[in-house]
Amino acid sequence: MKITKVETIRTKEPIKLQEPWKPAWIHPYGKPMETFQFSFYKVYTDEGIIGIGPNTGYSGLSQLLGFNPFHVGEFWEKNMGGRIQGTSEKRGAGIEIALWDIIGKAAGLPIYKLLGARKDRVLVYAATSRLLTKEEHVDQVHQLMEIGFKAVKLRLHRPNPWDDLAIVEAVRKSAGDELMILVDANQNNKSEGYNFWSRGTSLTMAEELDKLKVYYLEEPLPRADIEGLAIIASTVNMFIAGGEHSPTIYDFKDHIVKGAYDIIQPDVVMMGNIGITGIKQVAAMADFYGKMVVPHVLSGAGFAMDLPATLHPMAAVDNCPLVEYGWDPPILTTETTQFFIKEPLLVEKDGRVKLPEKPGLGIELIEEMMVVV
C-alpha cells in the first residue's frame, strides 16, 4: 500500500457560538472567540483506503507520496522527535493519526483493538472552561452530574486565588463527596495581565485544595519549574498533574523521574509531535514509575477528531483512569465540537464514553460540510 495524495480539508462554514467564548486561561485580556472552524488531512492510498487526521501544520506533506502507511513507526521516528529531544518543528501528529486510521480500516478493526485493547469504554471528566460566578458554577456542576459525569474540572485563573478557592469550596459543599473534583490552575499558559502564582501561593493553594478532597491539581506552576512542582507533589496527598505543552515524549522524562507530576497529561495533537504512537509510549513510561496518564484533549471544533485519537490508545493501557471531555454549555456542546461527524461520541449515564467500533478512528465525516483548502 502506498500514499497517492494528501488533501487539506476544512469545514465550509464556521460554527457561530451562542456567546463569545473567553476561556479561563486567556483571562484577563485575551480576545474571546465567536466561531469554531476546523481543518484536517485526507490521506489517499492506491488501495482506495482514505485516512483522516487533524491538521497540525505538518511541514513535509510533499514527501509523503509513495510512503507505506503501515510504516507508521518509521514516520513517527523521523518526523515527531524520535530520540532527539526537542526536535519538534515538523508537527506530524495529524498525519500519524491518519496513518493509524488507514491501518485500522485496512485491518477492519478499530485502532484500540490493534493496540491491544484493555477495555472498550473509558471514564471521562467534564472539562469546564470559563470563570463563572459561584452560583453559576454550582448550578452547572449539578447539570453535569445529571447528564452522567462523575468527575468535573474547574478552572482557577482569577486575580485573587482565594476567590478561586471559594468556588471549589462551594462546589464541594453542594455536590458532596460523590463528585470527583479536578482543578486546573493554568499556570503554564501565557496570559497578558495575569499575576501568576508564586511557589508559595501554589503550595498554599495546593494544601487548601487537598483539604477539599480534590483529585488532582493541574499546572500549579510553569512546566519548567520541575523543582517547585516536585515540592508541591511531595507535600500534598492529592495528585499533581501537567504536561499538555510538552513538545515531545522525551520532555516528560525529568518530570517523571524527579517526581514533579503524579499524573502525566500529554496531548495527542496540540504540540504536533506526540500522536497515537507517542501517547501510548508516554503511558508505558509513566507506568514504569508508578504514575498515571490523564491525557489533555483540546476543546473546540477539533474535539471530534482529537477525542477518538486519544481514546483509542488510552483504551489499550492500564494506568489511564479517565480522559478529558470538553463540555461547557452553551459554548462547548455536541453541536459546536462534534458538528461535522455523523455519530458524536456521547457520555453515557455512568460517565463513560464507548469506544468507536468502526475500523480505524471509527468516525465518519459529513462530507457535504467540507471543502478542500
Protein backbone atom coordinates (compact mmCIF):
# COMPACT_ATOMS: atom_id res chain seq x y z
CA MET A 1 0.00 0.00 0.00
CA LYS A 2 1.25 3.49 -0.87
CA ILE A 3 0.07 7.06 -0.31
CA THR A 4 -1.04 8.66 -3.58
CA LYS A 5 -2.41 12.04 -2.47
CA VAL A 6 -2.84 14.22 0.61
CA GLU A 7 -5.51 16.92 0.83
CA THR A 8 -6.07 19.56 3.47
CA ILE A 9 -9.80 19.90 4.13
CA ARG A 10 -11.76 22.33 6.26
CA THR A 11 -15.35 22.88 7.26
CA LYS A 12 -17.12 25.12 4.72
CA GLU A 13 -18.66 27.48 7.21
CA PRO A 14 -17.59 28.34 10.76
CA ILE A 15 -19.95 27.47 13.59
CA LYS A 16 -21.15 30.62 15.32
CA LEU A 17 -21.15 30.29 19.11
CA GLN A 18 -24.17 31.34 21.14
CA GLU A 19 -21.99 33.81 23.02
CA PRO A 20 -18.33 34.89 22.85
CA TRP A 21 -16.06 32.29 24.42
CA LYS A 22 -13.45 33.60 26.83
CA PRO A 23 -11.85 30.57 28.47
CA ALA A 24 -10.16 30.94 31.85
CA TRP A 25 -6.63 30.51 30.53
CA ILE A 26 -6.73 33.75 28.49
CA HIS A 27 -8.03 35.98 31.30
CA PRO A 28 -7.99 38.87 31.81
CA TYR A 29 -7.11 40.48 28.47
CA GLY A 30 -7.42 37.68 25.95
CA LYS A 31 -9.73 38.16 22.99
CA PRO A 32 -12.87 35.97 23.08
CA MET A 33 -13.67 33.59 20.22
CA GLU A 34 -17.01 33.89 18.43
CA THR A 35 -16.80 30.96 15.97
CA PHE A 36 -15.28 27.49 15.62
CA GLN A 37 -13.79 26.15 12.39
CA PHE A 38 -11.70 23.04 11.80
CA SER A 39 -9.27 21.69 9.20
CA PHE A 40 -7.77 18.24 8.76
CA TYR A 41 -5.91 15.93 6.40
CA LYS A 42 -7.26 13.34 3.98
CA VAL A 43 -4.60 10.79 3.08
CA TYR A 44 -5.39 8.70 -0.03
CA THR A 45 -3.84 5.31 -0.88
CA ASP A 46 -3.50 3.18 -4.01
CA GLU A 47 -5.89 0.63 -2.45
CA GLY A 48 -8.73 3.11 -2.14
CA ILE A 49 -8.49 3.49 1.64
CA ILE A 50 -8.59 7.07 2.93
CA GLY A 51 -7.30 8.11 6.34
CA ILE A 52 -8.15 11.30 8.21
CA GLY A 53 -6.30 13.25 10.88
CA PRO A 54 -6.38 16.79 12.32
CA ASN A 55 -4.33 19.49 10.60
CA THR A 56 -1.30 20.01 12.85
CA GLY A 57 0.75 22.06 10.41
CA TYR A 58 2.98 19.23 9.19
CA SER A 59 5.81 20.63 7.08
CA GLY A 60 6.54 17.55 4.94
CA LEU A 61 3.32 16.88 3.03
CA SER A 62 5.11 16.80 -0.35
CA GLN A 63 7.34 13.96 0.86
CA LEU A 64 4.51 11.56 1.68
CA LEU A 65 3.75 10.32 -1.85
CA GLY A 66 4.74 6.66 -2.15
CA PHE A 67 5.05 6.14 1.60
CA ASN A 68 3.61 2.92 3.08
CA PRO A 69 1.06 3.84 5.79
CA PHE A 70 1.87 0.63 7.67
CA HIS A 71 5.31 2.10 8.41
CA VAL A 72 3.74 4.45 10.93
CA GLY A 73 6.54 3.75 13.40
CA GLU A 74 9.10 4.89 10.84
CA PHE A 75 7.09 8.06 10.20
CA TRP A 76 6.85 8.80 13.92
CA GLU A 77 10.59 8.30 14.44
CA LYS A 78 11.62 10.56 11.58
CA ASN A 79 9.01 13.30 11.91
CA MET A 80 7.92 13.62 15.53
CA GLY A 81 11.06 13.99 17.56
CA GLY A 82 12.19 10.41 17.66
CA ARG A 83 15.02 10.03 20.13
CA ILE A 84 16.23 13.60 19.71
CA GLN A 85 14.69 15.64 22.49
CA GLY A 86 13.27 18.96 21.38
CA THR A 87 13.06 18.14 17.64
CA SER A 88 9.50 19.36 17.26
CA GLU A 89 9.35 21.56 14.17
CA LYS A 90 7.70 19.06 11.80
CA ARG A 91 4.42 18.64 13.72
CA GLY A 92 3.46 15.31 12.19
CA ALA A 93 0.78 14.18 14.68
CA GLY A 94 -2.17 14.77 12.35
CA ILE A 95 -0.61 12.66 9.59
CA GLU A 96 0.40 9.96 12.07
CA ILE A 97 -3.22 9.72 13.22
CA ALA A 98 -4.36 9.45 9.60
CA LEU A 99 -1.87 6.61 9.06
CA TRP A 100 -3.33 4.73 12.02
CA ASP A 101 -6.81 5.37 10.59
CA ILE A 102 -5.70 3.76 7.31
CA ILE A 103 -4.15 0.79 9.12
CA GLY A 104 -7.33 0.19 11.10
CA LYS A 105 -9.50 0.42 8.00
CA ALA A 106 -7.21 -1.98 6.13
CA ALA A 107 -7.43 -4.45 9.02
CA GLY A 108 -11.16 -3.94 9.50
CA LEU A 109 -10.62 -3.10 13.19
CA PRO A 110 -10.80 -0.03 15.44
CA ILE A 111 -7.38 1.26 16.41
CA TYR A 112 -7.71 0.36 20.09
CA LYS A 113 -8.03 -3.33 19.22
CA LEU A 114 -4.91 -3.16 17.08
CA LEU A 115 -3.05 -1.63 20.03
CA GLY A 116 -4.15 -4.36 22.45
CA ALA A 117 -7.50 -3.49 23.99
CA ARG A 118 -7.84 -3.42 27.78
CA LYS A 119 -11.39 -2.03 27.72
CA ASP A 120 -14.00 -0.68 25.31
CA ARG A 121 -15.39 2.14 27.46
CA VAL A 122 -13.40 4.95 29.10
CA LEU A 123 -14.37 7.20 32.01
CA VAL A 124 -14.27 10.89 31.09
CA TYR A 125 -14.47 14.12 33.04
CA ALA A 126 -16.34 17.28 32.10
CA ALA A 127 -13.72 19.93 31.39
CA THR A 128 -15.41 23.26 32.00
CA SER A 129 -13.59 26.25 30.59
CA ARG A 130 -14.89 29.57 31.93
CA LEU A 131 -14.70 31.64 35.11
CA LEU A 132 -18.29 31.85 36.30
CA THR A 133 -19.91 33.10 39.49
CA LYS A 134 -20.18 30.81 42.47
CA GLU A 135 -23.88 30.25 41.85
CA GLU A 136 -23.35 29.56 38.15
CA HIS A 137 -20.63 27.01 38.85
CA VAL A 138 -22.79 25.18 41.40
CA ASP A 139 -25.77 25.06 39.03
CA GLN A 140 -23.60 23.89 36.15
CA VAL A 141 -21.99 21.09 38.14
CA HIS A 142 -25.40 19.70 39.11
CA GLN A 143 -26.45 19.77 35.45
CA LEU A 144 -23.29 17.88 34.53
CA MET A 145 -23.95 15.27 37.19
CA GLU A 146 -27.48 14.79 35.85
CA ILE A 147 -26.04 14.07 32.40
CA GLY A 148 -23.89 11.34 33.92
CA PHE A 149 -20.50 12.94 34.57
CA LYS A 150 -18.81 11.55 37.67
CA ALA A 151 -15.91 14.00 37.51
CA VAL A 152 -15.74 17.72 36.72
CA LYS A 153 -12.76 20.03 36.20
CA LEU A 154 -12.94 23.61 37.46
CA ARG A 155 -10.66 26.41 36.25
CA LEU A 156 -8.72 28.74 38.53
CA HIS A 157 -7.45 31.97 36.96
CA ARG A 158 -8.95 34.83 38.91
CA PRO A 159 -6.87 37.83 40.07
CA ASN A 160 -7.30 36.72 43.70
CA PRO A 161 -6.59 32.99 44.19
CA TRP A 162 -8.76 32.98 47.31
CA ASP A 163 -11.72 33.74 45.06
CA ASP A 164 -10.74 30.63 43.08
CA LEU A 165 -10.69 28.61 46.27
CA ALA A 166 -14.15 29.85 47.24
CA ILE A 167 -15.57 28.40 44.01
CA VAL A 168 -14.14 24.95 44.73
CA GLU A 169 -15.42 25.11 48.31
CA ALA A 170 -18.93 25.95 47.11
CA VAL A 171 -18.97 23.15 44.55
CA ARG A 172 -17.68 20.59 47.06
CA LYS A 173 -20.25 21.64 49.65
CA SER A 174 -23.10 21.47 47.15
CA ALA A 175 -22.12 18.33 45.22
CA GLY A 176 -20.87 16.31 48.17
CA ASP A 177 -18.18 13.65 48.14
CA GLU A 178 -19.71 11.62 45.32
CA LEU A 179 -18.29 14.04 42.74
CA MET A 180 -14.64 13.79 41.70
CA ILE A 181 -13.39 17.39 41.51
CA LEU A 182 -10.39 18.22 39.36
CA VAL A 183 -8.81 21.68 39.34
CA ASP A 184 -6.75 23.37 36.63
CA ALA A 185 -4.73 26.42 37.67
CA ASN A 186 -3.40 27.01 34.13
CA GLN A 187 -0.15 28.47 35.46
CA ASN A 188 1.80 27.35 32.38
CA ASN A 189 -0.33 29.35 29.92
CA LYS A 190 0.63 32.76 28.62
CA SER A 191 -1.98 35.27 29.75
CA GLU A 192 -1.48 39.01 29.43
CA GLY A 193 -2.26 40.92 32.60
CA TYR A 194 -2.50 37.87 34.87
CA ASN A 195 -0.43 37.76 38.06
CA PHE A 196 0.83 34.19 38.04
CA TRP A 197 1.19 32.24 41.28
CA SER A 198 4.46 32.15 43.15
CA ARG A 199 5.77 28.89 44.60
CA GLY A 200 4.41 29.96 47.98
CA THR A 201 0.95 30.72 46.63
CA SER A 202 0.92 27.45 44.66
CA LEU A 203 1.83 25.42 47.74
CA THR A 204 -0.77 27.19 49.89
CA MET A 205 -3.48 26.65 47.28
CA ALA A 206 -2.49 23.00 46.93
CA GLU A 207 -2.76 22.48 50.68
CA GLU A 208 -6.19 24.13 50.80
CA LEU A 209 -7.48 22.19 47.81
CA ASP A 210 -6.17 18.98 49.37
CA LYS A 211 -8.49 19.60 52.33
CA LEU A 212 -11.41 19.78 49.88
CA LYS A 213 -10.60 16.28 48.58
CA VAL A 214 -9.64 17.49 45.11
CA TYR A 215 -8.48 14.56 42.97
CA TYR A 216 -5.74 16.46 41.19
CA LEU A 217 -4.38 19.97 40.75
CA GLU A 218 -3.21 20.68 37.22
CA GLU A 219 -0.39 23.09 36.39
CA PRO A 220 0.06 24.86 39.75
CA LEU A 221 3.41 26.17 38.43
CA PRO A 222 5.03 26.58 35.00
CA ARG A 223 6.16 23.33 33.39
CA ALA A 224 9.81 24.38 33.58
CA ASP A 225 9.77 24.67 37.38
CA ILE A 226 10.38 20.98 37.97
CA GLU A 227 11.80 21.56 41.44
CA GLY A 228 8.81 23.61 42.58
CA LEU A 229 6.34 21.10 41.19
CA ALA A 230 8.18 18.26 42.93
CA ILE A 231 8.00 20.12 46.26
CA ILE A 232 4.23 20.51 45.92
CA ALA A 233 3.74 16.92 44.79
CA SER A 234 5.67 15.63 47.81
CA THR A 235 3.74 17.85 50.24
CA VAL A 236 0.09 17.12 49.48
CA ASN A 237 -1.88 13.90 49.22
CA MET A 238 -3.79 14.81 46.08
CA PHE A 239 -2.17 14.29 42.70
CA ILE A 240 -0.26 16.98 40.82
CA ALA A 241 -0.80 16.90 37.06
CA GLY A 242 0.59 18.58 33.96
CA GLY A 243 2.34 18.27 30.65
CA GLU A 244 -0.08 19.32 27.90
CA HIS A 245 2.54 21.70 26.43
CA SER A 246 5.35 19.15 26.32
CA PRO A 247 6.68 19.20 22.73
CA THR A 248 7.90 15.58 22.54
CA ILE A 249 7.57 12.47 24.68
CA TYR A 250 11.13 12.91 25.96
CA ASP A 251 10.20 16.21 27.59
CA PHE A 252 8.34 14.19 30.25
CA LYS A 253 11.44 12.35 31.45
CA ASP A 254 12.62 14.76 34.15
CA HIS A 255 9.08 15.45 35.38
CA ILE A 256 8.56 11.73 35.92
CA VAL A 257 11.97 10.84 37.32
CA LYS A 258 12.13 13.85 39.67
CA GLY A 259 8.56 13.46 40.94
CA ALA A 260 7.17 16.71 39.52
CA TYR A 261 3.97 15.09 38.24
CA ASP A 262 1.88 12.27 39.68
CA ILE A 263 -0.33 12.40 36.59
CA ILE A 264 1.11 12.93 33.11
CA GLN A 265 -1.03 14.84 30.60
CA PRO A 266 0.22 14.53 27.03
CA ASP A 267 -1.95 15.91 24.24
CA VAL A 268 -2.10 13.74 21.16
CA VAL A 269 -2.14 16.70 18.73
CA MET A 270 -1.66 20.11 20.39
CA MET A 271 2.14 20.33 20.21
CA GLY A 272 2.16 18.34 16.97
CA ASN A 273 4.65 15.65 17.94
CA ILE A 274 3.01 13.15 20.30
CA GLY A 275 0.41 11.30 18.25
CA ILE A 276 -1.12 7.91 18.96
CA THR A 277 2.28 6.21 18.99
CA GLY A 278 3.74 8.75 21.40
CA ILE A 279 0.85 8.95 23.84
CA LYS A 280 0.96 5.18 24.31
CA GLN A 281 4.73 5.37 24.88
CA VAL A 282 4.23 8.10 27.49
CA ALA A 283 1.72 5.87 29.26
CA ALA A 284 4.21 3.00 29.32
CA MET A 285 6.99 5.25 30.62
CA ALA A 286 4.70 6.66 33.32
CA ASP A 287 3.53 3.21 34.34
CA PHE A 288 7.12 2.07 34.85
CA TYR A 289 7.46 4.77 37.54
CA GLY A 290 4.04 4.17 39.08
CA LYS A 291 2.49 7.28 37.52
CA MET A 292 -0.87 7.71 35.82
CA VAL A 293 -1.81 9.27 32.50
CA VAL A 294 -4.84 11.54 32.07
CA PRO A 295 -4.44 13.00 28.58
CA HIS A 296 -5.26 16.58 27.73
CA VAL A 297 -7.80 16.84 24.89
CA LEU A 298 -8.28 20.09 23.03
CA SER A 299 -11.70 21.70 23.21
CA GLY A 300 -13.19 23.44 20.20
CA ALA A 301 -14.04 22.15 16.74
CA GLY A 302 -11.10 19.73 16.67
CA PHE A 303 -12.54 17.79 19.60
CA ALA A 304 -14.49 15.43 17.33
CA MET A 305 -11.23 14.06 15.91
CA ASP A 306 -8.88 14.62 18.85
CA LEU A 307 -11.09 12.70 21.29
CA PRO A 308 -11.16 9.35 19.41
CA ALA A 309 -7.45 9.73 18.63
CA THR A 310 -6.93 9.89 22.40
CA LEU A 311 -9.45 7.27 23.49
CA HIS A 312 -8.02 4.54 21.24
CA PRO A 313 -4.53 4.38 22.80
CA MET A 314 -5.89 5.01 26.31
CA ALA A 315 -8.22 2.02 25.99
CA ALA A 316 -5.08 -0.06 25.46
CA VAL A 317 -3.29 0.88 28.73
CA ASP A 318 -4.00 0.19 32.39
CA ASN A 319 -2.81 3.44 34.02
CA CYS A 320 -5.32 5.86 32.50
CA PRO A 321 -8.17 6.42 34.99
CA LEU A 322 -10.04 8.98 32.88
CA VAL A 323 -9.82 11.25 29.83
CA GLU A 324 -10.69 14.92 29.29
CA TYR A 325 -14.04 15.72 27.65
CA GLY A 326 -14.64 19.41 26.91
CA TRP A 327 -18.17 20.28 27.99
CA ASP A 328 -19.26 23.79 28.94
CA PRO A 329 -22.74 24.70 27.62
CA PRO A 330 -23.70 26.80 25.77
CA ILE A 331 -20.16 27.09 24.33
CA LEU A 332 -18.75 23.56 24.36
CA THR A 333 -21.55 21.23 23.31
CA THR A 334 -22.07 18.38 20.86
CA GLU A 335 -23.41 20.90 18.34
CA THR A 336 -20.27 23.05 18.45
CA THR A 337 -17.48 20.50 18.95
CA GLN A 338 -18.74 17.42 17.04
CA PHE A 339 -20.84 19.05 14.34
CA PHE A 340 -19.04 17.57 11.32
CA ILE A 341 -19.20 13.85 12.21
CA LYS A 342 -22.19 11.56 11.73
CA GLU A 343 -22.16 9.85 15.14
CA PRO A 344 -20.88 12.03 18.01
CA LEU A 345 -19.12 10.36 20.94
CA LEU A 346 -21.53 10.92 23.81
CA VAL A 347 -21.21 10.48 27.56
CA GLU A 348 -23.31 7.65 28.97
CA LYS A 349 -25.10 7.66 32.32
CA ASP A 350 -22.16 6.06 34.10
CA GLY A 351 -19.80 8.84 32.98
CA ARG A 352 -18.08 6.76 30.31
CA VAL A 353 -17.69 7.03 26.55
CA LYS A 354 -17.97 3.94 24.36
CA LEU A 355 -15.04 3.41 22.00
CA PRO A 356 -15.95 3.59 18.30
CA GLU A 357 -16.23 0.09 16.84
CA LYS A 358 -15.93 1.01 13.19
CA PRO A 359 -12.49 0.46 11.61
CA GLY A 360 -9.70 2.99 12.17
CA LEU A 361 -10.60 6.06 14.18
CA GLY A 362 -14.21 4.96 13.83
CA ILE A 363 -15.69 8.32 12.89
CA GLU A 364 -17.42 9.31 9.65
CA LEU A 365 -17.37 12.83 8.26
CA ILE A 366 -20.39 14.71 6.96
CA GLU A 367 -18.76 15.26 3.58
CA GLU A 368 -21.13 17.98 2.40
CA MET A 369 -19.82 20.20 5.21
CA MET A 370 -16.24 20.01 3.88
CA VAL A 371 -14.20 21.84 1.28
CA VAL A 372 -10.64 21.32 0.01
CA VAL A 373 -8.35 24.18 1.04
